[in-house]
Full PDB file with SEQRES, HELIX, SHEET, SSBOND, CRYST1, ORIGX, SCALE, CONECT and MASTER records, all heavy atoms in Angstrom:
SEQRES   1 A   37  VAL GLU THR GLY TRP LYS ASP GLY LYS LEU VAL PHE ARG          
SEQRES   2 A   37  ARG SER ASP MET MET ASN VAL VAL LYS ARG LEU SER ARG          
SEQRES   3 A   37  HIS PHE ASN VAL ASN ILE GLN LEU GLU GLY LYS                  
HELIX    1 AA1 GLY A    4  ASP A    7  5                                   4    
HELIX    2 AA2 MET A   17  PHE A   28  1                                  12    
CRYST1    1.000    1.000    1.000  90.00  90.00  90.00 P 1           1          
ORIGX1      1.000000  0.000000  0.000000        0.00000                         
ORIGX2      0.000000  1.000000  0.000000        0.00000                         
ORIGX3      0.000000  0.000000  1.000000        0.00000                         
SCALE1      1.000000  0.000000  0.000000        0.00000                         
SCALE2      0.000000  1.000000  0.000000        0.00000                         
SCALE3      0.000000  0.000000  1.000000        0.00000                         
ATOM      1  N   VAL A   1       6.125   2.290  30.177  1.00  0.00           N  
ATOM      2  CA  VAL A   1       6.825   1.679  29.037  1.00  0.00           C  
ATOM      3  C   VAL A   1       5.954   0.619  28.381  1.00  0.00           C  
ATOM      4  O   VAL A   1       5.861   0.540  27.151  1.00  0.00           O  
ATOM      5  CB  VAL A   1       8.164   1.059  29.489  1.00  0.00           C  
ATOM      6  CG1 VAL A   1       8.776   0.243  28.360  1.00  0.00           C  
ATOM      7  CG2 VAL A   1       9.126   2.163  29.926  1.00  0.00           C  
ATOM      8  N   GLU A   2       5.285  -0.210  29.208  1.00  0.00           N  
ATOM      9  CA  GLU A   2       4.542  -1.351  28.683  1.00  0.00           C  
ATOM     10  C   GLU A   2       3.179  -0.974  28.107  1.00  0.00           C  
ATOM     11  O   GLU A   2       2.673  -1.675  27.226  1.00  0.00           O  
ATOM     12  CB  GLU A   2       4.348  -2.403  29.791  1.00  0.00           C  
ATOM     13  CG  GLU A   2       5.629  -2.897  30.423  1.00  0.00           C  
ATOM     14  CD  GLU A   2       6.550  -3.577  29.419  1.00  0.00           C  
ATOM     15  OE1 GLU A   2       6.071  -4.021  28.362  1.00  0.00           O  
ATOM     16  OE2 GLU A   2       7.766  -3.651  29.692  1.00  0.00           O  
ATOM     17  N   THR A   3       2.565   0.107  28.598  1.00  0.00           N  
ATOM     18  CA  THR A   3       1.181   0.416  28.181  1.00  0.00           C  
ATOM     19  C   THR A   3       1.021   1.758  27.475  1.00  0.00           C  
ATOM     20  O   THR A   3      -0.085   2.100  27.063  1.00  0.00           O  
ATOM     21  CB  THR A   3       0.237   0.383  29.393  1.00  0.00           C  
ATOM     22  OG1 THR A   3       0.575   1.459  30.289  1.00  0.00           O  
ATOM     23  CG2 THR A   3       0.340  -0.942  30.130  1.00  0.00           C  
ATOM     24  N   GLY A   4       2.110   2.526  27.361  1.00  0.00           N  
ATOM     25  CA  GLY A   4       1.990   3.848  26.750  1.00  0.00           C  
ATOM     26  C   GLY A   4       1.468   3.815  25.321  1.00  0.00           C  
ATOM     27  O   GLY A   4       0.853   4.776  24.853  1.00  0.00           O  
ATOM     28  N   TRP A   5       1.678   2.709  24.610  1.00  0.00           N  
ATOM     29  CA  TRP A   5       1.277   2.611  23.205  1.00  0.00           C  
ATOM     30  C   TRP A   5      -0.219   2.852  22.997  1.00  0.00           C  
ATOM     31  O   TRP A   5      -0.634   3.383  21.972  1.00  0.00           O  
ATOM     32  CB  TRP A   5       1.665   1.236  22.647  1.00  0.00           C  
ATOM     33  CG  TRP A   5       0.943   0.095  23.298  1.00  0.00           C  
ATOM     34  CD1 TRP A   5       1.375  -0.666  24.332  1.00  0.00           C  
ATOM     35  CD2 TRP A   5      -0.355  -0.413  22.953  1.00  0.00           C  
ATOM     36  NE1 TRP A   5       0.443  -1.614  24.683  1.00  0.00           N  
ATOM     37  CE2 TRP A   5      -0.637  -1.476  23.836  1.00  0.00           C  
ATOM     38  CE3 TRP A   5      -1.309  -0.065  22.002  1.00  0.00           C  
ATOM     39  CZ2 TRP A   5      -1.830  -2.200  23.787  1.00  0.00           C  
ATOM     40  CZ3 TRP A   5      -2.494  -0.785  21.950  1.00  0.00           C  
ATOM     41  CH2 TRP A   5      -2.754  -1.835  22.829  1.00  0.00           C  
ATOM     42  N   LYS A   6      -1.055   2.426  23.983  1.00  0.00           N  
ATOM     43  CA  LYS A   6      -2.506   2.555  23.790  1.00  0.00           C  
ATOM     44  C   LYS A   6      -2.949   4.020  23.773  1.00  0.00           C  
ATOM     45  O   LYS A   6      -4.033   4.345  23.266  1.00  0.00           O  
ATOM     46  CB  LYS A   6      -3.273   1.779  24.869  1.00  0.00           C  
ATOM     47  CG  LYS A   6      -3.430   2.473  26.201  1.00  0.00           C  
ATOM     48  CD  LYS A   6      -4.229   1.624  27.152  1.00  0.00           C  
ATOM     49  CE  LYS A   6      -4.461   2.333  28.471  1.00  0.00           C  
ATOM     50  NZ  LYS A   6      -5.357   3.494  28.357  1.00  0.00           N  
ATOM     51  N   ASP A   7      -2.111   4.906  24.303  1.00  0.00           N  
ATOM     52  CA  ASP A   7      -2.393   6.342  24.275  1.00  0.00           C  
ATOM     53  C   ASP A   7      -1.577   7.048  23.201  1.00  0.00           C  
ATOM     54  O   ASP A   7      -1.456   8.273  23.200  1.00  0.00           O  
ATOM     55  CB  ASP A   7      -2.089   6.964  25.646  1.00  0.00           C  
ATOM     56  CG  ASP A   7      -2.951   6.354  26.750  1.00  0.00           C  
ATOM     57  OD1 ASP A   7      -4.161   6.195  26.525  1.00  0.00           O  
ATOM     58  OD2 ASP A   7      -2.397   6.025  27.812  1.00  0.00           O  
ATOM     59  N   GLY A   8      -0.992   6.256  22.289  1.00  0.00           N  
ATOM     60  CA  GLY A   8      -0.231   6.832  21.193  1.00  0.00           C  
ATOM     61  C   GLY A   8       1.179   7.227  21.562  1.00  0.00           C  
ATOM     62  O   GLY A   8       1.833   7.976  20.826  1.00  0.00           O  
ATOM     63  N   LYS A   9       1.690   6.749  22.709  1.00  0.00           N  
ATOM     64  CA  LYS A   9       3.029   7.117  23.159  1.00  0.00           C  
ATOM     65  C   LYS A   9       4.017   5.975  22.940  1.00  0.00           C  
ATOM     66  O   LYS A   9       3.653   4.808  23.005  1.00  0.00           O  
ATOM     67  CB  LYS A   9       3.020   7.471  24.643  1.00  0.00           C  
ATOM     68  CG  LYS A   9       2.143   8.666  25.007  1.00  0.00           C  
ATOM     69  CD  LYS A   9       2.174   8.904  26.504  1.00  0.00           C  
ATOM     70  CE  LYS A   9       1.276  10.060  26.903  1.00  0.00           C  
ATOM     71  NZ  LYS A   9       1.277  10.270  28.365  1.00  0.00           N  
ATOM     72  N   LEU A  10       5.256   6.341  22.697  1.00  0.00           N  
ATOM     73  CA  LEU A  10       6.352   5.372  22.641  1.00  0.00           C  
ATOM     74  C   LEU A  10       7.322   5.743  23.754  1.00  0.00           C  
ATOM     75  O   LEU A  10       7.991   6.777  23.701  1.00  0.00           O  
ATOM     76  CB  LEU A  10       7.046   5.420  21.280  1.00  0.00           C  
ATOM     77  CG  LEU A  10       6.244   4.864  20.091  1.00  0.00           C  
ATOM     78  CD1 LEU A  10       6.937   5.199  18.780  1.00  0.00           C  
ATOM     79  CD2 LEU A  10       6.073   3.361  20.229  1.00  0.00           C  
ATOM     80  N   VAL A  11       7.355   4.899  24.793  1.00  0.00           N  
ATOM     81  CA  VAL A  11       8.174   5.190  25.969  1.00  0.00           C  
ATOM     82  C   VAL A  11       9.300   4.160  26.056  1.00  0.00           C  
ATOM     83  O   VAL A  11       9.058   2.948  26.079  1.00  0.00           O  
ATOM     84  CB  VAL A  11       7.334   5.149  27.261  1.00  0.00           C  
ATOM     85  CG1 VAL A  11       8.194   5.510  28.472  1.00  0.00           C  
ATOM     86  CG2 VAL A  11       6.134   6.090  27.149  1.00  0.00           C  
ATOM     87  N   PHE A  12      10.544   4.649  26.102  1.00  0.00           N  
ATOM     88  CA  PHE A  12      11.717   3.785  26.206  1.00  0.00           C  
ATOM     89  C   PHE A  12      12.515   4.171  27.441  1.00  0.00           C  
ATOM     90  O   PHE A  12      12.804   5.353  27.659  1.00  0.00           O  
ATOM     91  CB  PHE A  12      12.611   3.912  24.971  1.00  0.00           C  
ATOM     92  CG  PHE A  12      11.905   3.593  23.675  1.00  0.00           C  
ATOM     93  CD1 PHE A  12      11.516   4.618  22.811  1.00  0.00           C  
ATOM     94  CD2 PHE A  12      11.629   2.277  23.320  1.00  0.00           C  
ATOM     95  CE1 PHE A  12      10.871   4.340  21.627  1.00  0.00           C  
ATOM     96  CE2 PHE A  12      10.985   1.994  22.132  1.00  0.00           C  
ATOM     97  CZ  PHE A  12      10.594   3.014  21.281  1.00  0.00           C  
ATOM     98  N   ARG A  13      12.857   3.196  28.266  1.00  0.00           N  
ATOM     99  CA  ARG A  13      13.673   3.429  29.449  1.00  0.00           C  
ATOM    100  C   ARG A  13      14.791   2.383  29.477  1.00  0.00           C  
ATOM    101  O   ARG A  13      14.560   1.223  29.805  1.00  0.00           O  
ATOM    102  CB  ARG A  13      12.821   3.346  30.716  1.00  0.00           C  
ATOM    103  CG  ARG A  13      11.765   4.432  30.842  1.00  0.00           C  
ATOM    104  CD  ARG A  13      12.397   5.807  31.020  1.00  0.00           C  
ATOM    105  NE  ARG A  13      11.370   6.859  31.172  1.00  0.00           N  
ATOM    106  CZ  ARG A  13      10.870   7.558  30.155  1.00  0.00           C  
ATOM    107  NH1 ARG A  13      11.291   7.316  28.914  1.00  0.00           N  
ATOM    108  NH2 ARG A  13       9.970   8.485  30.365  1.00  0.00           N  
ATOM    109  N   ARG A  14      15.984   2.820  29.070  1.00  0.00           N  
ATOM    110  CA  ARG A  14      17.152   1.934  28.982  1.00  0.00           C  
ATOM    111  C   ARG A  14      16.799   0.678  28.170  1.00  0.00           C  
ATOM    112  O   ARG A  14      17.146  -0.450  28.547  1.00  0.00           O  
ATOM    113  CB  ARG A  14      17.661   1.552  30.377  1.00  0.00           C  
ATOM    114  CG  ARG A  14      18.186   2.738  31.185  1.00  0.00           C  
ATOM    115  CD  ARG A  14      18.754   2.279  32.520  1.00  0.00           C  
ATOM    116  NE  ARG A  14      19.908   1.383  32.324  1.00  0.00           N  
ATOM    117  CZ  ARG A  14      21.153   1.796  32.147  1.00  0.00           C  
ATOM    118  NH1 ARG A  14      21.420   3.102  32.103  1.00  0.00           N  
ATOM    119  NH2 ARG A  14      22.130   0.936  31.991  1.00  0.00           N  
ATOM    120  N   SER A  15      16.119   0.904  27.074  1.00  0.00           N  
ATOM    121  CA  SER A  15      15.717  -0.195  26.187  1.00  0.00           C  
ATOM    122  C   SER A  15      16.811  -0.478  25.176  1.00  0.00           C  
ATOM    123  O   SER A  15      17.410   0.452  24.626  1.00  0.00           O  
ATOM    124  CB  SER A  15      14.424   0.163  25.450  1.00  0.00           C  
ATOM    125  OG  SER A  15      13.370   0.438  26.337  1.00  0.00           O  
ATOM    126  N   ASP A  16      17.068  -1.758  24.932  1.00  0.00           N  
ATOM    127  CA  ASP A  16      18.069  -2.090  23.917  1.00  0.00           C  
ATOM    128  C   ASP A  16      17.515  -1.747  22.535  1.00  0.00           C  
ATOM    129  O   ASP A  16      16.303  -1.696  22.325  1.00  0.00           O  
ATOM    130  CB  ASP A  16      18.466  -3.560  24.005  1.00  0.00           C  
ATOM    131  CG  ASP A  16      17.296  -4.504  23.747  1.00  0.00           C  
ATOM    132  OD1 ASP A  16      16.872  -4.635  22.597  1.00  0.00           O  
ATOM    133  OD2 ASP A  16      16.797  -5.104  24.722  1.00  0.00           O  
ATOM    134  N   MET A  17      18.409  -1.525  21.583  1.00  0.00           N  
ATOM    135  CA  MET A  17      17.987  -1.036  20.269  1.00  0.00           C  
ATOM    136  C   MET A  17      17.127  -2.037  19.503  1.00  0.00           C  
ATOM    137  O   MET A  17      16.312  -1.640  18.673  1.00  0.00           O  
ATOM    138  CB  MET A  17      19.224  -0.666  19.434  1.00  0.00           C  
ATOM    139  CG  MET A  17      19.903   0.609  19.885  1.00  0.00           C  
ATOM    140  SD  MET A  17      18.772   2.047  19.940  1.00  0.00           S  
ATOM    141  CE  MET A  17      18.308   2.203  18.219  1.00  0.00           C  
ATOM    142  N   MET A  18      17.251  -3.312  19.802  1.00  0.00           N  
ATOM    143  CA  MET A  18      16.387  -4.291  19.166  1.00  0.00           C  
ATOM    144  C   MET A  18      14.931  -4.046  19.535  1.00  0.00           C  
ATOM    145  O   MET A  18      14.028  -4.104  18.689  1.00  0.00           O  
ATOM    146  CB  MET A  18      16.801  -5.721  19.571  1.00  0.00           C  
ATOM    147  CG  MET A  18      18.024  -6.237  18.860  1.00  0.00           C  
ATOM    148  SD  MET A  18      17.752  -6.417  17.053  1.00  0.00           S  
ATOM    149  CE  MET A  18      16.507  -7.693  17.046  1.00  0.00           C  
ATOM    150  N   ASN A  19      14.713  -3.729  20.813  1.00  0.00           N  
ATOM    151  CA  ASN A  19      13.352  -3.440  21.267  1.00  0.00           C  
ATOM    152  C   ASN A  19      12.864  -2.113  20.695  1.00  0.00           C  
ATOM    153  O   ASN A  19      11.694  -1.974  20.301  1.00  0.00           O  
ATOM    154  CB  ASN A  19      13.315  -3.414  22.801  1.00  0.00           C  
ATOM    155  CG  ASN A  19      11.920  -3.173  23.333  1.00  0.00           C  
ATOM    156  OD1 ASN A  19      10.960  -3.821  22.908  1.00  0.00           O  
ATOM    157  ND2 ASN A  19      11.789  -2.256  24.267  1.00  0.00           N  
ATOM    158  N   VAL A  20      13.746  -1.117  20.644  1.00  0.00           N  
ATOM    159  CA  VAL A  20      13.379   0.186  20.085  1.00  0.00           C  
ATOM    160  C   VAL A  20      12.981   0.041  18.619  1.00  0.00           C  
ATOM    161  O   VAL A  20      11.940   0.559  18.184  1.00  0.00           O  
ATOM    162  CB  VAL A  20      14.560   1.179  20.210  1.00  0.00           C  
ATOM    163  CG1 VAL A  20      14.247   2.479  19.466  1.00  0.00           C  
ATOM    164  CG2 VAL A  20      14.861   1.471  21.680  1.00  0.00           C  
ATOM    165  N   VAL A  21      13.783  -0.674  17.862  1.00  0.00           N  
ATOM    166  CA  VAL A  21      13.513  -0.876  16.432  1.00  0.00           C  
ATOM    167  C   VAL A  21      12.204  -1.642  16.215  1.00  0.00           C  
ATOM    168  O   VAL A  21      11.413  -1.315  15.337  1.00  0.00           O  
ATOM    169  CB  VAL A  21      14.698  -1.619  15.782  1.00  0.00           C  
ATOM    170  CG1 VAL A  21      14.297  -2.200  14.440  1.00  0.00           C  
ATOM    171  CG2 VAL A  21      15.880  -0.687  15.631  1.00  0.00           C  
ATOM    172  N   LYS A  22      11.988  -2.651  17.024  1.00  0.00           N  
ATOM    173  CA  LYS A  22      10.768  -3.471  16.899  1.00  0.00           C  
ATOM    174  C   LYS A  22       9.515  -2.619  17.114  1.00  0.00           C  
ATOM    175  O   LYS A  22       8.556  -2.707  16.333  1.00  0.00           O  
ATOM    176  CB  LYS A  22      10.820  -4.606  17.923  1.00  0.00           C  
ATOM    177  CG  LYS A  22       9.583  -5.494  17.928  1.00  0.00           C  
ATOM    178  CD  LYS A  22       9.706  -6.573  18.995  1.00  0.00           C  
ATOM    179  CE  LYS A  22       9.702  -5.996  20.387  1.00  0.00           C  
ATOM    180  NZ  LYS A  22       9.776  -7.031  21.446  1.00  0.00           N  
ATOM    181  N   ARG A  23       9.529  -1.790  18.127  1.00  0.00           N  
ATOM    182  CA  ARG A  23       8.337  -0.998  18.443  1.00  0.00           C  
ATOM    183  C   ARG A  23       8.137   0.149  17.447  1.00  0.00           C  
ATOM    184  O   ARG A  23       6.998   0.466  17.084  1.00  0.00           O  
ATOM    185  CB  ARG A  23       8.448  -0.466  19.875  1.00  0.00           C  
ATOM    186  CG  ARG A  23       8.371  -1.600  20.901  1.00  0.00           C  
ATOM    187  CD  ARG A  23       8.612  -1.125  22.316  1.00  0.00           C  
ATOM    188  NE  ARG A  23       7.603  -0.146  22.709  1.00  0.00           N  
ATOM    189  CZ  ARG A  23       7.677   0.571  23.830  1.00  0.00           C  
ATOM    190  NH1 ARG A  23       8.731   0.437  24.628  1.00  0.00           N  
ATOM    191  NH2 ARG A  23       6.742   1.426  24.144  1.00  0.00           N  
ATOM    192  N   LEU A  24       9.236   0.745  16.993  1.00  0.00           N  
ATOM    193  CA  LEU A  24       9.110   1.793  15.973  1.00  0.00           C  
ATOM    194  C   LEU A  24       8.582   1.211  14.665  1.00  0.00           C  
ATOM    195  O   LEU A  24       7.730   1.818  14.002  1.00  0.00           O  
ATOM    196  CB  LEU A  24      10.461   2.464  15.735  1.00  0.00           C  
ATOM    197  CG  LEU A  24      10.971   3.409  16.830  1.00  0.00           C  
ATOM    198  CD1 LEU A  24      12.376   3.893  16.490  1.00  0.00           C  
ATOM    199  CD2 LEU A  24      10.037   4.598  17.010  1.00  0.00           C  
ATOM    200  N   SER A  25       9.071   0.027  14.306  1.00  0.00           N  
ATOM    201  CA  SER A  25       8.625  -0.617  13.073  1.00  0.00           C  
ATOM    202  C   SER A  25       7.131  -0.898  13.119  1.00  0.00           C  
ATOM    203  O   SER A  25       6.399  -0.673  12.146  1.00  0.00           O  
ATOM    204  CB  SER A  25       9.391  -1.927  12.859  1.00  0.00           C  
ATOM    205  OG  SER A  25      10.765  -1.686  12.694  1.00  0.00           O  
ATOM    206  N   ARG A  26       6.656  -1.390  14.260  1.00  0.00           N  
ATOM    207  CA  ARG A  26       5.230  -1.710  14.403  1.00  0.00           C  
ATOM    208  C   ARG A  26       4.378  -0.446  14.413  1.00  0.00           C  
ATOM    209  O   ARG A  26       3.318  -0.393  13.791  1.00  0.00           O  
ATOM    210  CB  ARG A  26       5.026  -2.507  15.685  1.00  0.00           C  
ATOM    211  CG  ARG A  26       3.579  -2.949  15.924  1.00  0.00           C  
ATOM    212  CD  ARG A  26       3.488  -3.732  17.222  1.00  0.00           C  
ATOM    213  NE  ARG A  26       4.339  -4.894  17.179  1.00  0.00           N  
ATOM    214  CZ  ARG A  26       5.113  -5.306  18.190  1.00  0.00           C  
ATOM    215  NH1 ARG A  26       5.165  -4.602  19.299  1.00  0.00           N  
ATOM    216  NH2 ARG A  26       5.846  -6.375  18.065  1.00  0.00           N  
ATOM    217  N   HIS A  27       4.845   0.567  15.114  1.00  0.00           N  
ATOM    218  CA  HIS A  27       4.063   1.795  15.267  1.00  0.00           C  
ATOM    219  C   HIS A  27       3.897   2.537  13.950  1.00  0.00           C  
ATOM    220  O   HIS A  27       2.827   3.090  13.666  1.00  0.00           O  
ATOM    221  CB  HIS A  27       4.756   2.702  16.297  1.00  0.00           C  
ATOM    222  CG  HIS A  27       3.957   3.905  16.678  1.00  0.00           C  
ATOM    223  ND1 HIS A  27       2.920   3.849  17.589  1.00  0.00           N  
ATOM    224  CD2 HIS A  27       4.029   5.208  16.274  1.00  0.00           C  
ATOM    225  CE1 HIS A  27       2.390   5.051  17.727  1.00  0.00           C  
ATOM    226  NE2 HIS A  27       3.047   5.902  16.940  1.00  0.00           N  
ATOM    227  N   PHE A  28       4.962   2.553  13.131  1.00  0.00           N  
ATOM    228  CA  PHE A  28       4.919   3.316  11.885  1.00  0.00           C  
ATOM    229  C   PHE A  28       4.792   2.434  10.641  1.00  0.00           C  
ATOM    230  O   PHE A  28       4.805   2.945   9.515  1.00  0.00           O  
ATOM    231  CB  PHE A  28       6.172   4.193  11.767  1.00  0.00           C  
ATOM    232  CG  PHE A  28       6.223   5.307  12.774  1.00  0.00           C  
ATOM    233  CD1 PHE A  28       7.054   5.226  13.894  1.00  0.00           C  
ATOM    234  CD2 PHE A  28       5.434   6.437  12.619  1.00  0.00           C  
ATOM    235  CE1 PHE A  28       7.102   6.257  14.822  1.00  0.00           C  
ATOM    236  CE2 PHE A  28       5.477   7.480  13.546  1.00  0.00           C  
ATOM    237  CZ  PHE A  28       6.312   7.390  14.646  1.00  0.00           C  
ATOM    238  N   ASN A  29       4.674   1.133  10.850  1.00  0.00           N  
ATOM    239  CA  ASN A  29       4.522   0.189   9.735  1.00  0.00           C  
ATOM    240  C   ASN A  29       5.669   0.348   8.729  1.00  0.00           C  
ATOM    241  O   ASN A  29       5.466   0.553   7.534  1.00  0.00           O  
ATOM    242  CB  ASN A  29       3.173   0.393   9.031  1.00  0.00           C  
ATOM    243  CG  ASN A  29       2.895  -0.699   8.009  1.00  0.00           C  
ATOM    244  OD1 ASN A  29       3.402  -1.821   8.124  1.00  0.00           O  
ATOM    245  ND2 ASN A  29       2.101  -0.390   6.988  1.00  0.00           N  
ATOM    246  N   VAL A  30       6.888   0.253   9.245  1.00  0.00           N  
ATOM    247  CA  VAL A  30       8.090   0.329   8.404  1.00  0.00           C  
ATOM    248  C   VAL A  30       9.011  -0.836   8.766  1.00  0.00           C  
ATOM    249  O   VAL A  30       8.831  -1.502   9.796  1.00  0.00           O  
ATOM    250  CB  VAL A  30       8.844   1.664   8.586  1.00  0.00           C  
ATOM    251  CG1 VAL A  30       8.011   2.836   8.092  1.00  0.00           C  
ATOM    252  CG2 VAL A  30       9.243   1.860  10.060  1.00  0.00           C  
ATOM    253  N   ASN A  31       9.999  -1.068   7.947  1.00  0.00           N  
ATOM    254  CA  ASN A  31      10.981  -2.121   8.174  1.00  0.00           C  
ATOM    255  C   ASN A  31      12.307  -1.481   8.574  1.00  0.00           C  
ATOM    256  O   ASN A  31      13.030  -0.956   7.730  1.00  0.00           O  
ATOM    257  CB  ASN A  31      11.136  -2.973   6.914  1.00  0.00           C  
ATOM    258  CG  ASN A  31      12.173  -4.063   7.076  1.00  0.00           C  
ATOM    259  OD1 ASN A  31      12.579  -4.387   8.191  1.00  0.00           O  
ATOM    260  ND2 ASN A  31      12.620  -4.635   5.961  1.00  0.00           N  
ATOM    261  N   ILE A  32      12.600  -1.506   9.881  1.00  0.00           N  
ATOM    262  CA  ILE A  32      13.828  -0.899  10.384  1.00  0.00           C  
ATOM    263  C   ILE A  32      14.816  -2.014  10.734  1.00  0.00           C  
ATOM    264  O   ILE A  32      14.471  -2.944  11.470  1.00  0.00           O  
ATOM    265  CB  ILE A  32      13.578  -0.016  11.615  1.00  0.00           C  
ATOM    266  CG1 ILE A  32      12.526   1.058  11.293  1.00  0.00           C  
ATOM    267  CG2 ILE A  32      14.862   0.645  12.092  1.00  0.00           C  
ATOM    268  CD1 ILE A  32      12.179   1.955  12.467  1.00  0.00           C  
ATOM    269  N   GLN A  33      16.018  -1.905  10.241  1.00  0.00           N  
ATOM    270  CA  GLN A  33      17.039  -2.924  10.485  1.00  0.00           C  
ATOM    271  C   GLN A  33      18.269  -2.310  11.128  1.00  0.00           C  
ATOM    272  O   GLN A  33      18.582  -1.137  10.887  1.00  0.00           O  
ATOM    273  CB  GLN A  33      17.424  -3.609   9.166  1.00  0.00           C  
ATOM    274  CG  GLN A  33      16.275  -4.352   8.495  1.00  0.00           C  
ATOM    275  CD  GLN A  33      16.701  -5.011   7.187  1.00  0.00           C  
ATOM    276  OE1 GLN A  33      17.868  -4.950   6.786  1.00  0.00           O  
ATOM    277  NE2 GLN A  33      15.750  -5.652   6.519  1.00  0.00           N  
ATOM    278  N   LEU A  34      18.933  -3.115  11.955  1.00  0.00           N  
ATOM    279  CA  LEU A  34      20.184  -2.688  12.597  1.00  0.00           C  
ATOM    280  C   LEU A  34      21.369  -3.255  11.825  1.00  0.00           C  
ATOM    281  O   LEU A  34      21.363  -4.431  11.438  1.00  0.00           O  
ATOM    282  CB  LEU A  34      20.238  -3.170  14.050  1.00  0.00           C  
ATOM    283  CG  LEU A  34      19.166  -2.616  14.998  1.00  0.00           C  
ATOM    284  CD1 LEU A  34      19.337  -3.233  16.384  1.00  0.00           C  
ATOM    285  CD2 LEU A  34      19.245  -1.096  15.085  1.00  0.00           C  
ATOM    286  N   GLU A  35      22.371  -2.430  11.635  1.00  0.00           N  
ATOM    287  CA  GLU A  35      23.577  -2.892  10.931  1.00  0.00           C  
ATOM    288  C   GLU A  35      24.776  -2.700  11.854  1.00  0.00           C  
ATOM    289  O   GLU A  35      25.097  -1.578  12.247  1.00  0.00           O  
ATOM    290  CB  GLU A  35      23.775  -2.093   9.641  1.00  0.00           C  
ATOM    291  CG  GLU A  35      24.864  -2.655   8.741  1.00  0.00           C  
ATOM    292  CD  GLU A  35      24.928  -1.905   7.415  1.00  0.00           C  
ATOM    293  OE1 GLU A  35      24.099  -2.187   6.531  1.00  0.00           O  
ATOM    294  OE2 GLU A  35      25.796  -1.020   7.280  1.00  0.00           O  
ATOM    295  N   GLY A  36      25.399  -3.824  12.232  1.00  0.00           N  
ATOM    296  CA  GLY A  36      26.542  -3.741  13.148  1.00  0.00           C  
ATOM    297  C   GLY A  36      26.168  -4.298  14.512  1.00  0.00           C  
ATOM    298  O   GLY A  36      25.202  -3.841  15.133  1.00  0.00           O  
ATOM    299  N   LYS A  37      26.923  -5.306  15.010  1.00  0.00           N  
ATOM    300  CA  LYS A  37      26.596  -5.962  16.270  1.00  0.00           C  
ATOM    301  C   LYS A  37      26.686  -5.021  17.461  1.00  0.00           C  
ATOM    302  O   LYS A  37      26.001  -5.197  18.473  1.00  0.00           O  
ATOM    303  CB  LYS A  37      27.552  -7.160  16.475  1.00  0.00           C  
ATOM    304  CG  LYS A  37      27.308  -8.289  15.486  1.00  0.00           C  
ATOM    305  CD  LYS A  37      28.230  -9.472  15.801  1.00  0.00           C  
ATOM    306  CE  LYS A  37      27.966 -10.618  14.829  1.00  0.00           C  
ATOM    307  NZ  LYS A  37      28.837 -11.787  15.108  1.00  0.00           N  
TER     308      LYS A  37                                                      
MASTER        0    0    0    2    0    0    0    6  307    1    0    3          
END                                                                             
């Protein structure tokens, strides 16, 4: 999960959506926002 990015992988294991959104945004250079608590 912590190092997969260096090989081009995005690995999530019971990750909260804030963390998922943050890593997807960085990986694809986009602005992803969550709507709804």
